[in-house]
């Protein structure tokens, strides 16, 4: 079954953020299909139209996991 996992952090904590994501992949047993991400713009116009601050990082992981046996 395909699932989605969303991670959000700030750019200044990028090293720790990578460790968090890699740890989750290992512990969950997920088979990753795709990973996409975005670092938000620092422009004042984009901040007024979004709830994200200037340096937020958003990572979306599409993964597959087996359904539990019933």
N, C-alpha and C. Protein backbone atom coordinates (compact mmCIF):
# COMPACT_ATOMS: atom_id res chain seq x y z
N UNK A 1 0.83 -1.17 0.00
CA UNK A 1 0.00 0.00 0.00
C UNK A 1 0.89 1.24 0.00
N UNK A 2 0.57 2.21 -0.85
CA UNK A 2 1.35 3.45 -0.90
C UNK A 2 0.86 4.43 0.17
N UNK A 3 1.82 5.12 0.75
CA UNK A 3 1.56 6.10 1.81
C UNK A 3 2.41 7.34 1.54
N UNK A 4 2.09 8.44 2.23
CA UNK A 4 2.83 9.69 2.12
C UNK A 4 3.30 10.09 3.51
N UNK A 5 4.54 10.55 3.61
CA UNK A 5 5.10 11.08 4.85
C UNK A 5 5.65 12.47 4.54
N UNK A 6 5.30 13.45 5.35
CA UNK A 6 5.74 14.83 5.14
C UNK A 6 6.64 15.24 6.31
N UNK A 7 7.79 15.82 5.99
CA UNK A 7 8.72 16.33 6.98
C UNK A 7 8.88 17.83 6.75
N UNK A 8 9.01 18.60 7.82
CA UNK A 8 9.24 20.03 7.71
C UNK A 8 10.29 20.43 8.73
N UNK A 9 11.24 21.25 8.30
CA UNK A 9 12.28 21.74 9.19
C UNK A 9 12.75 23.10 8.69
N UNK A 10 13.83 23.59 9.28
CA UNK A 10 14.40 24.85 8.83
C UNK A 10 15.80 24.60 8.28
N UNK A 11 16.20 25.44 7.35
CA UNK A 11 17.46 25.25 6.62
C UNK A 11 18.68 25.19 7.54
N UNK A 12 18.67 25.95 8.61
CA UNK A 12 19.84 25.97 9.51
C UNK A 12 20.02 24.65 10.26
N UNK A 13 19.00 23.78 10.26
CA UNK A 13 19.08 22.47 10.92
C UNK A 13 19.13 21.33 9.91
N UNK A 14 19.64 21.61 8.72
CA UNK A 14 19.60 20.66 7.62
C UNK A 14 20.31 19.34 7.93
N UNK A 15 21.47 19.39 8.55
CA UNK A 15 22.20 18.15 8.86
C UNK A 15 21.37 17.23 9.77
N UNK A 16 20.81 17.79 10.82
CA UNK A 16 19.97 17.01 11.74
C UNK A 16 18.71 16.51 11.03
N UNK A 17 18.17 17.34 10.15
CA UNK A 17 16.96 16.99 9.40
C UNK A 17 17.22 15.77 8.51
N UNK A 18 18.36 15.75 7.85
CA UNK A 18 18.72 14.59 7.02
C UNK A 18 18.81 13.33 7.86
N UNK A 19 19.43 13.44 9.04
CA UNK A 19 19.55 12.29 9.94
C UNK A 19 18.17 11.80 10.37
N UNK A 20 17.26 12.73 10.68
CA UNK A 20 15.90 12.37 11.09
C UNK A 20 15.18 11.59 9.98
N UNK A 21 15.28 12.07 8.76
CA UNK A 21 14.61 11.40 7.63
C UNK A 21 15.21 10.02 7.40
N UNK A 22 16.55 9.92 7.38
CA UNK A 22 17.19 8.63 7.17
C UNK A 22 16.86 7.64 8.28
N UNK A 23 16.80 8.13 9.51
CA UNK A 23 16.43 7.28 10.64
C UNK A 23 15.01 6.75 10.47
N UNK A 24 14.08 7.63 10.08
CA UNK A 24 12.70 7.20 9.86
C UNK A 24 12.61 6.12 8.76
N UNK A 25 13.34 6.31 7.67
CA UNK A 25 13.33 5.33 6.57
C UNK A 25 13.81 3.97 7.09
N UNK A 26 14.89 3.96 7.85
CA UNK A 26 15.43 2.69 8.38
C UNK A 26 14.44 2.03 9.33
N UNK A 27 13.91 2.80 10.29
CA UNK A 27 13.04 2.23 11.33
C UNK A 27 11.67 1.82 10.79
N UNK A 28 11.15 2.54 9.82
CA UNK A 28 9.80 2.25 9.33
C UNK A 28 9.76 1.02 8.42
N UNK A 29 10.88 0.71 7.80
CA UNK A 29 10.88 -0.39 6.84
C UNK A 29 10.23 0.00 5.53
N UNK A 30 10.04 1.28 5.32
CA UNK A 30 9.38 1.77 4.10
C UNK A 30 10.25 1.53 2.88
N UNK A 31 9.61 1.20 1.78
CA UNK A 31 10.29 1.12 0.49
C UNK A 31 9.98 2.44 -0.22
N UNK A 32 10.97 3.31 -0.26
CA UNK A 32 10.78 4.66 -0.80
C UNK A 32 10.59 4.60 -2.31
N UNK A 33 9.55 5.27 -2.79
CA UNK A 33 9.26 5.37 -4.22
C UNK A 33 9.83 6.67 -4.76
N UNK A 34 9.50 7.79 -4.11
CA UNK A 34 10.05 9.09 -4.51
C UNK A 34 10.23 9.97 -3.28
N UNK A 35 11.20 10.87 -3.40
CA UNK A 35 11.41 11.91 -2.40
C UNK A 35 11.46 13.23 -3.15
N UNK A 36 10.61 14.17 -2.75
CA UNK A 36 10.64 15.50 -3.36
C UNK A 36 10.73 16.53 -2.23
N UNK A 37 11.26 17.69 -2.56
CA UNK A 37 11.41 18.69 -1.53
C UNK A 37 11.45 20.09 -2.07
N UNK A 38 11.40 21.04 -1.15
CA UNK A 38 11.42 22.43 -1.51
C UNK A 38 11.99 23.25 -0.35
N UNK A 39 12.80 24.24 -0.66
CA UNK A 39 13.23 25.24 0.30
C UNK A 39 12.49 26.50 -0.05
N UNK A 40 11.74 27.05 0.92
CA UNK A 40 10.90 28.20 0.62
C UNK A 40 11.73 29.44 0.29
N UNK A 41 11.13 30.30 -0.47
CA UNK A 41 11.78 31.54 -0.91
C UNK A 41 11.93 32.50 0.26
N UNK A 42 12.97 33.33 0.20
CA UNK A 42 13.17 34.36 1.22
C UNK A 42 12.51 35.68 0.86
N UNK A 43 11.79 35.74 -0.24
CA UNK A 43 11.21 37.02 -0.67
C UNK A 43 10.05 37.42 0.23
N UNK A 44 9.91 38.72 0.55
CA UNK A 44 8.81 39.19 1.41
C UNK A 44 7.44 38.87 0.82
N UNK A 45 7.29 38.88 -0.49
CA UNK A 45 6.00 38.61 -1.12
C UNK A 45 5.55 37.19 -0.84
N UNK A 46 6.45 36.24 -0.91
CA UNK A 46 6.07 34.85 -0.69
C UNK A 46 5.74 34.60 0.77
N UNK A 47 6.36 35.33 1.67
CA UNK A 47 6.07 35.14 3.09
C UNK A 47 4.66 35.61 3.44
N UNK A 48 4.17 36.64 2.80
CA UNK A 48 2.84 37.13 3.10
C UNK A 48 1.76 36.20 2.57
N UNK A 49 2.08 35.37 1.57
CA UNK A 49 1.09 34.47 0.99
C UNK A 49 1.22 33.06 1.54
N UNK A 50 2.10 32.82 2.48
CA UNK A 50 2.36 31.46 2.95
C UNK A 50 2.54 31.45 4.46
N UNK A 51 2.26 30.29 5.07
CA UNK A 51 2.49 30.15 6.50
C UNK A 51 3.93 29.76 6.79
N UNK A 52 4.73 29.48 5.75
CA UNK A 52 6.12 29.09 5.92
C UNK A 52 6.99 30.33 6.10
N UNK A 53 8.01 30.21 6.96
CA UNK A 53 8.97 31.29 7.08
C UNK A 53 9.99 31.17 5.95
N UNK A 54 10.88 32.13 5.84
CA UNK A 54 11.79 32.21 4.71
C UNK A 54 12.71 31.04 4.47
N UNK A 55 13.08 30.28 5.47
CA UNK A 55 14.07 29.23 5.29
C UNK A 55 13.54 27.84 5.59
N UNK A 56 12.26 27.62 5.48
CA UNK A 56 11.69 26.31 5.76
C UNK A 56 11.99 25.32 4.64
N UNK A 57 12.19 24.08 5.05
CA UNK A 57 12.39 22.98 4.10
C UNK A 57 11.22 22.02 4.26
N UNK A 58 10.65 21.63 3.14
CA UNK A 58 9.55 20.67 3.13
C UNK A 58 9.99 19.47 2.30
N UNK A 59 9.89 18.28 2.87
CA UNK A 59 10.24 17.04 2.18
C UNK A 59 9.00 16.15 2.18
N UNK A 60 8.65 15.62 1.01
CA UNK A 60 7.52 14.70 0.88
C UNK A 60 8.06 13.37 0.36
N UNK A 61 7.76 12.32 1.10
CA UNK A 61 8.21 10.99 0.71
C UNK A 61 6.99 10.14 0.37
N UNK A 62 7.00 9.59 -0.84
CA UNK A 62 6.00 8.61 -1.24
C UNK A 62 6.66 7.25 -1.05
N UNK A 63 6.02 6.40 -0.27
CA UNK A 63 6.63 5.11 0.03
C UNK A 63 5.59 4.01 0.01
N UNK A 64 6.08 2.81 0.04
CA UNK A 64 5.21 1.64 0.02
C UNK A 64 5.52 0.81 1.26
N UNK A 65 4.46 0.28 1.85
CA UNK A 65 4.62 -0.57 3.03
C UNK A 65 3.59 -1.68 2.96
N UNK A 66 3.95 -2.85 3.46
CA UNK A 66 3.03 -3.97 3.45
C UNK A 66 1.92 -3.76 4.47
N UNK A 67 0.72 -4.18 4.10
CA UNK A 67 -0.39 -4.13 5.04
C UNK A 67 -0.20 -5.21 6.11
N UNK A 68 -0.59 -4.92 7.35
CA UNK A 68 -0.46 -5.95 8.37
C UNK A 68 -1.40 -7.13 8.06
N UNK A 69 -0.96 -8.31 8.40
CA UNK A 69 -1.79 -9.51 8.19
C UNK A 69 -3.00 -9.46 9.11
N UNK A 70 -4.17 -9.79 8.56
CA UNK A 70 -5.39 -9.77 9.40
C UNK A 70 -5.97 -11.13 9.59
